[in-house]
C-alpha atoms as a PDB file:
ATOM      1  CA  MET A   1       0.314  -0.043  -0.075  1.00  0.00           C
ATOM      2  CA  LYS A   2       1.463   3.288  -0.754  1.00  0.00           C
ATOM      3  CA  LEU A   3       0.434   5.929   1.400  1.00  0.00           C
ATOM      4  CA  ALA A   4       2.682   8.648  -0.062  1.00  0.00           C
ATOM      5  CA  HIS A   5       4.964  10.038  -2.731  1.00  0.00           C
ATOM      6  CA  LEU A   6       8.321  10.655  -1.967  1.00  0.00           C
ATOM      7  CA  SER A   7      10.142  13.635  -3.906  1.00  0.00           C
ATOM      8  CA  ALA A   8      13.745  13.438  -3.393  1.00  0.00           C
ATOM      9  CA  PHE A   9      16.411  16.034  -3.681  1.00  0.00           C
ATOM     10  CA  ASP A  10      20.204  16.294  -4.634  1.00  0.00           C
ATOM     11  CA  GLY A  11      22.486  18.371  -6.573  1.00  0.00           C
ATOM     12  CA  ASP A  12      25.196  15.603  -6.627  1.00  0.00           C
ATOM     13  CA  GLU A  13      25.409  13.334  -8.968  1.00  0.00           C
ATOM     14  CA  ARG A  14      27.370  11.408  -7.292  1.00  0.00           C
ATOM     15  CA  GLN A  15      25.105  11.078  -4.597  1.00  0.00           C
ATOM     16  CA  MET A  16      22.109  11.064  -6.561  1.00  0.00           C
ATOM     17  CA  GLU A  17      22.806   7.505  -8.436  1.00  0.00           C
ATOM     18  CA  LYS A  18      22.596   6.071  -5.090  1.00  0.00           C
ATOM     19  CA  ILE A  19      19.412   7.386  -3.868  1.00  0.00           C
ATOM     20  CA  LYS A  20      17.693   6.353  -7.775  1.00  0.00           C
ATOM     21  CA  GLU A  21      19.212   2.563  -6.628  1.00  0.00           C
ATOM     22  CA  HIS A  22      17.948   2.824  -3.225  1.00  0.00           C
ATOM     23  CA  TYR A  23      14.382   4.026  -4.311  1.00  0.00           C
ATOM     24  CA  VAL A  24      12.994   1.781  -7.103  1.00  0.00           C
ATOM     25  CA  GLU A  25       9.494   2.406  -6.329  1.00  0.00           C
ATOM     26  CA  SER A  26       7.091   4.148  -8.886  1.00  0.00           C
ATOM     27  CA  ASN A  27       6.068   6.620  -6.521  1.00  0.00           C
ATOM     28  CA  VAL A  28       9.052   8.553  -5.993  1.00  0.00           C
ATOM     29  CA  SER A  29      10.642  11.345  -7.964  1.00  0.00           C
ATOM     30  CA  PHE A  30      14.114  12.600  -8.388  1.00  0.00           C
ATOM     31  CA  TYR A  31      15.276  16.328  -8.858  1.00  0.00           C
ATOM     32  CA  ASN A  32      19.142  17.043  -9.377  1.00  0.00           C
ATOM     33  CA  TYR A  33      18.794  20.698  -7.963  1.00  0.00           C
ATOM     34  CA  PHE A  34      21.048  22.108  -5.200  1.00  0.00           C
ATOM     35  CA  LEU A  35      18.332  23.753  -3.306  1.00  0.00           C
ATOM     36  CA  PHE A  36      19.521  27.014  -1.481  1.00  0.00           C
ATOM     37  CA  ASP A  37      18.662  30.458  -2.523  1.00  0.00           C
ATOM     38  CA  GLY A  38      18.635  30.464  -6.350  1.00  0.00           C
ATOM     39  CA  ASN A  39      21.936  32.270  -6.642  1.00  0.00           C
ATOM     40  CA  LYS A  40      25.325  30.230  -7.752  1.00  0.00           C
ATOM     41  CA  HIS A  41      27.358  29.529  -5.198  1.00  0.00           C
ATOM     42  CA  ASN A  42      30.618  27.643  -4.822  1.00  0.00           C
ATOM     43  CA  ALA A  43      30.300  24.088  -3.615  1.00  0.00           C
ATOM     44  CA  PHE A  44      33.041  22.608  -1.397  1.00  0.00           C
ATOM     45  CA  MET A  45      32.779  18.788  -2.860  1.00  0.00           C
ATOM     46  CA  CYS A  46      34.970  16.437  -0.613  1.00  0.00           C
ATOM     47  CA  HIS A  47      34.819  12.575  -0.720  1.00  0.00           C
ATOM     48  CA  PRO A  48      31.158  11.014  -1.623  1.00  0.00           C
ATOM     49  CA  ASP A  49      31.459   8.845   1.251  1.00  0.00           C
ATOM     50  CA  SER A  50      32.307  11.802   3.580  1.00  0.00           C
ATOM     51  CA  GLY A  51      29.022  13.024   3.848  1.00  0.00           C
ATOM     52  CA  MET A  52      30.918  16.598   4.189  1.00  0.00           C
ATOM     53  CA  SER A  53      30.000  18.174   0.785  1.00  0.00           C
ATOM     54  CA  SER A  54      28.888  21.611   1.507  1.00  0.00           C
ATOM     55  CA  LEU A  55      27.453  24.811   0.223  1.00  0.00           C
ATOM     56  CA  PHE A  56      29.735  26.410   3.106  1.00  0.00           C
ATOM     57  CA  LYS A  57      33.311  26.050   3.896  1.00  0.00           C
ATOM     58  CA  PRO A  58      34.773  23.570   5.847  1.00  0.00           C
ATOM     59  CA  LYS A  59      36.399  25.533   9.460  1.00  0.00           C
ATOM     60  CA  GLN A  60      39.713  23.708   9.521  1.00  0.00           C
ATOM     61  CA  LYS A  61      39.864  24.546  13.673  1.00  0.00           C
ATOM     62  CA  ALA A  62      36.880  23.011  14.234  1.00  0.00           C
ATOM     63  CA  LEU A  63      37.634  19.716  12.246  1.00  0.00           C
ATOM     64  CA  ASP A  64      41.217  19.571  14.121  1.00  0.00           C
ATOM     65  CA  PHE A  65      39.246  19.686  17.211  1.00  0.00           C
ATOM     66  CA  PHE A  66      37.820  16.254  16.248  1.00  0.00           C
ATOM     67  CA  ASN A  67      39.060  13.045  15.561  1.00  0.00           C
ATOM     68  CA  GLY A  68      38.806  11.922  12.052  1.00  0.00           C
ATOM     69  CA  PHE A  69      37.470  14.745  10.790  1.00  0.00           C
ATOM     70  CA  SER A  70      40.378  16.307   9.304  1.00  0.00           C
ATOM     71  CA  ASN A  71      40.000  13.666   7.100  1.00  0.00           C
ATOM     72  CA  PHE A  72      36.524  13.814   6.646  1.00  0.00           C
ATOM     73  CA  GLY A  73      36.390  17.295   5.673  1.00  0.00           C
ATOM     74  CA  THR A  74      39.469  17.257   3.020  1.00  0.00           C
ATOM     75  CA  VAL A  75      37.852  19.261  -0.184  1.00  0.00           C
ATOM     76  CA  GLU A  76      38.716  17.820  -3.123  1.00  0.00           C
ATOM     77  CA  ALA A  77      37.195  20.359  -5.755  1.00  0.00           C
ATOM     78  CA  ILE A  78      35.400  23.712  -5.303  1.00  0.00           C
ATOM     79  CA  GLU A  79      32.972  23.744  -8.198  1.00  0.00           C
ATOM     80  CA  GLU A  80      30.681  27.095  -8.927  1.00  0.00           C
ATOM     81  CA  ILE A  81      27.466  25.757  -8.926  1.00  0.00           C
ATOM     82  CA  GLN A  82      23.849  27.301  -9.912  1.00  0.00           C
ATOM     83  CA  THR A  83      21.309  26.781  -6.630  1.00  0.00           C
ATOM     84  CA  THR A  84      17.337  26.455  -6.629  1.00  0.00           C
ATOM     85  CA  ARG A  85      14.892  28.012  -4.431  1.00  0.00           C
ATOM     86  CA  LEU A  86      12.560  25.567  -3.116  1.00  0.00           C
ATOM     87  CA  ASP A  87       9.597  27.808  -4.361  1.00  0.00           C
ATOM     88  CA  ASP A  88      10.775  27.432  -8.153  1.00  0.00           C
ATOM     89  CA  VAL A  89      10.729  23.902  -8.711  1.00  0.00           C
ATOM     90  CA  GLU A  90       8.307  23.145 -11.240  1.00  0.00           C
ATOM     91  CA  ASN A  91       5.853  19.853 -10.884  1.00  0.00           C
ATOM     92  CA  LEU A  92       6.531  19.775  -7.225  1.00  0.00           C
ATOM     93  CA  ASP A  93       3.458  19.312  -5.210  1.00  0.00           C
ATOM     94  CA  PHE A  94       2.463  21.071  -1.760  1.00  0.00           C
ATOM     95  CA  ILE A  95       4.940  19.103   1.257  1.00  0.00           C
ATOM     96  CA  ASP A  96       3.458  17.668   4.102  1.00  0.00           C
ATOM     97  CA  PHE A  97       6.529  16.230   5.785  1.00  0.00           C
ATOM     98  CA  VAL A  98      10.432  17.099   5.069  1.00  0.00           C
ATOM     99  CA  LYS A  99      13.340  15.469   5.596  1.00  0.00           C
ATOM    100  CA  MET A 100      16.290  17.474   5.133  1.00  0.00           C
ATOM    101  CA  ASP A 101      20.134  16.600   5.338  1.00  0.00           C
ATOM    102  CA  VAL A 102      21.833  19.292   3.911  1.00  0.00           C
ATOM    103  CA  GLN A 103      25.520  20.057   5.741  1.00  0.00           C
ATOM    104  CA  GLY A 104      24.549  24.004   6.874  1.00  0.00           C
ATOM    105  CA  ALA A 105      22.188  24.921   4.041  1.00  0.00           C
ATOM    106  CA  GLU A 106      18.780  24.039   6.068  1.00  0.00           C
ATOM    107  CA  LEU A 107      18.027  27.146   6.969  1.00  0.00           C
ATOM    108  CA  GLU A 108      18.579  28.830   3.591  1.00  0.00           C
ATOM    109  CA  ILE A 109      16.558  26.206   1.865  1.00  0.00           C
ATOM    110  CA  LEU A 110      13.497  26.833   4.257  1.00  0.00           C
ATOM    111  CA  LYS A 111      13.687  30.593   4.156  1.00  0.00           C
ATOM    112  CA  ASN A 112      13.323  29.898  -0.062  1.00  0.00           C
ATOM    113  CA  GLY A 113      10.328  27.442   0.466  1.00  0.00           C
ATOM    114  CA  ASP A 114       7.577  29.296   2.452  1.00  0.00           C
ATOM    115  CA  ASN A 115       5.405  28.727  -0.263  1.00  0.00           C
ATOM    116  CA  ILE A 116       5.901  25.518  -0.808  1.00  0.00           C
ATOM    117  CA  LEU A 117       5.960  24.413   2.511  1.00  0.00           C
ATOM    118  CA  ALA A 118       3.240  27.162   3.796  1.00  0.00           C
ATOM    119  CA  ASN A 119       1.138  23.715   4.735  1.00  0.00           C
ATOM    120  CA  CYS A 120       3.828  21.165   6.065  1.00  0.00           C
ATOM    121  CA  LEU A 121       3.011  19.436   9.253  1.00  0.00           C
ATOM    122  CA  ALA A 122       6.389  18.342  10.129  1.00  0.00           C
ATOM    123  CA  MET A 123      10.024  18.451   9.528  1.00  0.00           C
ATOM    124  CA  GLN A 124      12.994  16.480  10.352  1.00  0.00           C
ATOM    125  CA  LEU A 125      16.140  18.519  10.259  1.00  0.00           C
ATOM    126  CA  GLU A 126      19.934  18.320  10.852  1.00  0.00           C
ATOM    127  CA  VAL A 127      20.836  20.533  13.351  1.00  0.00           C
ATOM    128  CA  SER A 128      24.759  21.641  14.550  1.00  0.00           C
ATOM    129  CA  TYR A 129      25.565  21.659  18.215  1.00  0.00           C
ATOM    130  CA  PHE A 130      29.605  22.483  16.807  1.00  0.00           C
ATOM    131  CA  ALA A 131      29.427  24.185  13.619  1.00  0.00           C
ATOM    132  CA  LEU A 132      31.978  22.419  11.252  1.00  0.00           C
ATOM    133  CA  TYR A 133      31.743  24.623   8.590  1.00  0.00           C
ATOM    134  CA  GLU A 134      32.407  28.485   7.985  1.00  0.00           C
ATOM    135  CA  ASN A 135      29.172  30.599   8.916  1.00  0.00           C
ATOM    136  CA  GLN A 136      26.750  27.613   9.496  1.00  0.00           C
ATOM    137  CA  PRO A 137      23.437  28.272  11.189  1.00  0.00           C
ATOM    138  CA  SER A 138      23.265  26.800  14.668  1.00  0.00           C
ATOM    139  CA  PHE A 139      20.948  24.984  16.156  1.00  0.00           C
ATOM    140  CA  GLY A 140      19.643  28.092  17.969  1.00  0.00           C
ATOM    141  CA  ASP A 141      19.232  29.574  14.402  1.00  0.00           C
ATOM    142  CA  ILE A 142      17.358  27.167  13.273  1.00  0.00           C
ATOM    143  CA  ASP A 143      14.978  26.699  16.369  1.00  0.00           C
ATOM    144  CA  VAL A 144      14.411  30.773  16.624  1.00  0.00           C
ATOM    145  CA  TYR A 145      13.177  30.596  12.896  1.00  0.00           C
ATOM    146  CA  MET A 146      11.188  27.509  13.091  1.00  0.00           C
ATOM    147  CA  ARG A 147       9.384  28.629  16.115  1.00  0.00           C
ATOM    148  CA  LYS A 148       9.050  31.841  14.545  1.00  0.00           C
ATOM    149  CA  ILE A 149       6.752  29.950  11.526  1.00  0.00           C
ATOM    150  CA  GLY A 150       4.735  27.853  13.785  1.00  0.00           C
ATOM    151  CA  TYR A 151       6.566  25.182  14.371  1.00  0.00           C
ATOM    152  CA  VAL A 152       7.539  23.251  17.566  1.00  0.00           C
ATOM    153  CA  PRO A 153      10.105  20.620  19.141  1.00  0.00           C
ATOM    154  CA  HIS A 154       8.622  17.380  19.354  1.00  0.00           C
ATOM    155  CA  GLN A 155      11.470  14.636  19.150  1.00  0.00           C
ATOM    156  CA  PHE A 156      15.357  14.440  18.571  1.00  0.00           C
ATOM    157  CA  LEU A 157      16.524  11.843  16.832  1.00  0.00           C
ATOM    158  CA  HIS A 158      20.018  10.504  16.142  1.00  0.00           C
ATOM    159  CA  ILE A 159      22.082  12.491  18.970  1.00  0.00           C
ATOM    160  CA  LYS A 160      25.936  12.537  17.261  1.00  0.00           C
ATOM    161  CA  LYS A 161      28.543  12.828  19.622  1.00  0.00           C
ATOM    162  CA  TRP A 162      32.258  12.469  18.977  1.00  0.00           C
ATOM    163  CA  SER A 163      35.826  11.931  20.141  1.00  0.00           C
ATOM    164  CA  ILE A 164      38.183  15.251  20.956  1.00  0.00           C
ATOM    165  CA  ALA A 165      41.462  14.821  19.583  1.00  0.00           C
ATOM    166  CA  PRO A 166      43.483  13.638  20.449  1.00  0.00           C
ATOM    167  CA  THR A 167      41.794  11.334  22.598  1.00  0.00           C
ATOM    168  CA  ILE A 168      40.827   7.818  21.365  1.00  0.00           C
ATOM    169  CA  PHE A 169      38.638   5.438  23.328  1.00  0.00           C
ATOM    170  CA  ASN A 170      39.069   1.598  22.809  1.00  0.00           C
ATOM    171  CA  ASN A 171      41.502   2.403  20.131  1.00  0.00           C
ATOM    172  CA  ASN A 172      38.408   3.848  17.839  1.00  0.00           C
ATOM    173  CA  PHE A 173      38.080   6.741  17.010  1.00  0.00           C
ATOM    174  CA  ARG A 174      34.294   6.848  16.045  1.00  0.00           C
ATOM    175  CA  VAL A 175      33.804   5.677  19.878  1.00  0.00           C
ATOM    176  CA  PRO A 176      32.202   8.779  21.271  1.00  0.00           C
ATOM    177  CA  GLY A 177      33.196  11.158  24.025  1.00  0.00           C
ATOM    178  CA  ASN A 178      31.074  13.547  25.377  1.00  0.00           C
ATOM    179  CA  GLN A 179      30.971  16.302  23.193  1.00  0.00           C
ATOM    180  CA  LEU A 180      27.539  17.267  21.213  1.00  0.00           C
ATOM    181  CA  LEU A 181      28.082  17.461  17.495  1.00  0.00           C
ATOM    182  CA  GLU A 182      24.791  17.124  15.613  1.00  0.00           C
ATOM    183  CA  SER A 183      21.598  15.286  15.652  1.00  0.00           C
ATOM    184  CA  ASP A 184      18.239  15.357  14.118  1.00  0.00           C
ATOM    185  CA  ILE A 185      15.407  16.912  15.156  1.00  0.00           C
ATOM    186  CA  ILE A 186      11.172  16.599  14.412  1.00  0.00           C
ATOM    187  CA  TYR A 187       9.443  19.997  14.404  1.00  0.00           C
ATOM    188  CA  ILE A 188       5.492  19.674  14.295  1.00  0.00           C
ATOM    189  CA  LYS A 189       3.185  22.131  13.904  1.00  0.00           C
ATOM    190  CA  ASP A 190       2.069  23.774  17.079  1.00  0.00           C
ATOM    191  CA  PRO A 191      -0.073  21.579  18.472  1.00  0.00           C
ATOM    192  CA  LEU A 192      -1.594  24.045  20.463  1.00  0.00           C
ATOM    193  CA  CYS A 193      -3.316  25.405  17.007  1.00  0.00           C
ATOM    194  CA  ILE A 194      -4.633  22.153  16.412  1.00  0.00           C
ATOM    195  CA  SER A 195      -8.150  23.685  15.532  1.00  0.00           C
ATOM    196  CA  GLU A 196      -6.089  25.498  12.176  1.00  0.00           C
ATOM    197  CA  LEU A 197      -5.650  22.199  10.685  1.00  0.00           C
ATOM    198  CA  SER A 198      -7.753  21.018   7.722  1.00  0.00           C
ATOM    199  CA  ASP A 199      -9.618  18.136   7.984  1.00  0.00           C
ATOM    200  CA  ILE A 200      -7.387  15.748   5.750  1.00  0.00           C
ATOM    201  CA  GLN A 201      -4.459  17.400   7.418  1.00  0.00           C
ATOM    202  CA  LEU A 202      -5.311  15.839  10.376  1.00  0.00           C
ATOM    203  CA  GLN A 203      -5.582  12.439   8.804  1.00  0.00           C
ATOM    204  CA  LYS A 204      -2.150  12.990   7.021  1.00  0.00           C
ATOM    205  CA  PHE A 205      -1.168  14.270  10.749  1.00  0.00           C
ATOM    206  CA  VAL A 206      -2.149  11.068  12.551  1.00  0.00           C
ATOM    207  CA  ILE A 207      -0.526   8.570   9.776  1.00  0.00           C
ATOM    208  CA  LEU A 208       2.777  10.630  10.237  1.00  0.00           C
ATOM    209  CA  ALA A 209       2.388  10.001  14.112  1.00  0.00           C
ATOM    210  CA  HIS A 210       1.992   6.358  14.116  1.00  0.00           C
ATOM    211  CA  TYR A 211       4.283   5.458  11.218  1.00  0.00           C
ATOM    212  CA  ALA A 212       6.931   8.258  11.359  1.00  0.00           C
ATOM    213  CA  PHE A 213       7.227   9.095  14.662  1.00  0.00           C
ATOM    214  CA  LYS A 214       5.851   6.728  16.782  1.00  0.00           C
ATOM    215  CA  SER A 215       4.344   8.970  19.011  1.00  0.00           C
ATOM    216  CA  THR A 216       1.546   6.889  20.130  1.00  0.00           C
ATOM    217  CA  ASP A 217       0.613  10.026  22.928  1.00  0.00           C
ATOM    218  CA  TYR A 218       0.337  12.678  19.756  1.00  0.00           C
ATOM    219  CA  CYS A 219      -1.045  10.008  17.582  1.00  0.00           C
ATOM    220  CA  VAL A 220      -4.172  10.145  20.204  1.00  0.00           C
ATOM    221  CA  TYR A 221      -3.980  13.648  20.821  1.00  0.00           C
ATOM    222  CA  LEU A 222      -4.712  13.873  17.177  1.00  0.00           C
ATOM    223  CA  LEU A 223      -7.524  11.133  17.164  1.00  0.00           C
ATOM    224  CA  ILE A 224      -9.518  12.734  20.255  1.00  0.00           C
ATOM    225  CA  GLU A 225      -9.848  16.078  17.856  1.00  0.00           C
ATOM    226  CA  MET A 226     -11.105  13.729  14.589  1.00  0.00           C
ATOM    227  CA  GLU A 227     -13.503  12.264  17.030  1.00  0.00           C
ATOM    228  CA  ARG A 228     -14.550  16.379  18.245  1.00  0.00           C
ATOM    229  CA  ARG A 229     -14.880  16.914  14.661  1.00  0.00           C
ATOM    230  CA  LYS A 230     -17.229  13.622  13.743  1.00  0.00           C
ATOM    231  CA  LEU A 231     -14.594  12.384  11.457  1.00  0.00           C
ATOM    232  CA  ILE A 232     -14.266   9.131  13.334  1.00  0.00           C
ATOM    233  CA  LEU A 233     -16.162   7.032  15.592  1.00  0.00           C
ATOM    234  CA  ASP A 234     -16.179   8.330  19.535  1.00  0.00           C
ATOM    235  CA  ASN A 235     -13.786   6.743  21.801  1.00  0.00           C
ATOM    236  CA  SER A 236     -11.428   5.469  18.900  1.00  0.00           C
ATOM    237  CA  HIS A 237      -8.455   6.926  20.698  1.00  0.00           C
ATOM    238  CA  ARG A 238      -9.232   4.367  23.388  1.00  0.00           C
ATOM    239  CA  LEU A 239      -9.635   1.520  20.721  1.00  0.00           C
ATOM    240  CA  TYR A 240      -6.361   2.462  19.544  1.00  0.00           C
ATOM    241  CA  LEU A 241      -4.282   2.801  22.600  1.00  0.00           C
ATOM    242  CA  SER A 242      -5.830  -0.644  23.341  1.00  0.00           C
ATOM    243  CA  ASN A 243      -4.724  -2.292  20.352  1.00  0.00           C
ATOM    244  CA  PHE A 244      -1.621  -0.127  20.074  1.00  0.00           C
ATOM    245  CA  SER A 245       0.740  -3.128  21.108  1.00  0.00           C
ATOM    246  CA  SER A 246      -0.542  -5.548  18.323  1.00  0.00           C
ATOM    247  CA  PHE A 247       0.291  -3.565  15.686  1.00  0.00           C
ATOM    248  CA  SER A 248       3.097  -1.301  16.678  1.00  0.00           C
ATOM    249  CA  THR A 249       5.965  -3.639  15.319  1.00  0.00           C
END
């Protein structure tokens, strides 16, 4: 059963081929764009396996602070590229959920996609606690913007810590110490403004809360609102809770 359509973006041809190999379903559209502000910029291209290529220049002092990152952040080429505003992408439907990991470009993409994202219910963003790039927006910068446009933090995912050079634990530089590096965070439309959601948005949100976020309590909160609007039978949320263990795996 297909519950959604995926729109996948990456301007790096090396990464796009991997994405196409991974997603072979017919309900996927591929966009070979560097999303940003619509202007030309230098792209700092690192090894494709490093995950460090960015429109922001790696900050050498920050790379040297952590074990291994001096190698990860080695720039192999600098290419002038044309970026595209998310709002300017043709044949793109309005978006219900966004997952973004773009090495510091998240905030600029959001600011240049406010029309297409106007009805977005939730966003999963990678946020930085320790900038690895020059002029990279911080978690605080992103959080202030997200709250300004009506979203609140819901859930932290994949909190990444890293060891500080030169200390190495268990002879493996990937074994972390306590220093926070980055994480994914899910933002949701302010739940205190639930009355502003349309009926179809509410139904989509229930699917996201259950399948994508595994957030039972929030799903119940949404189901109660659906009951209030007479979209589902009364006490449906109680039935959901009573059967949760049987369909949550």
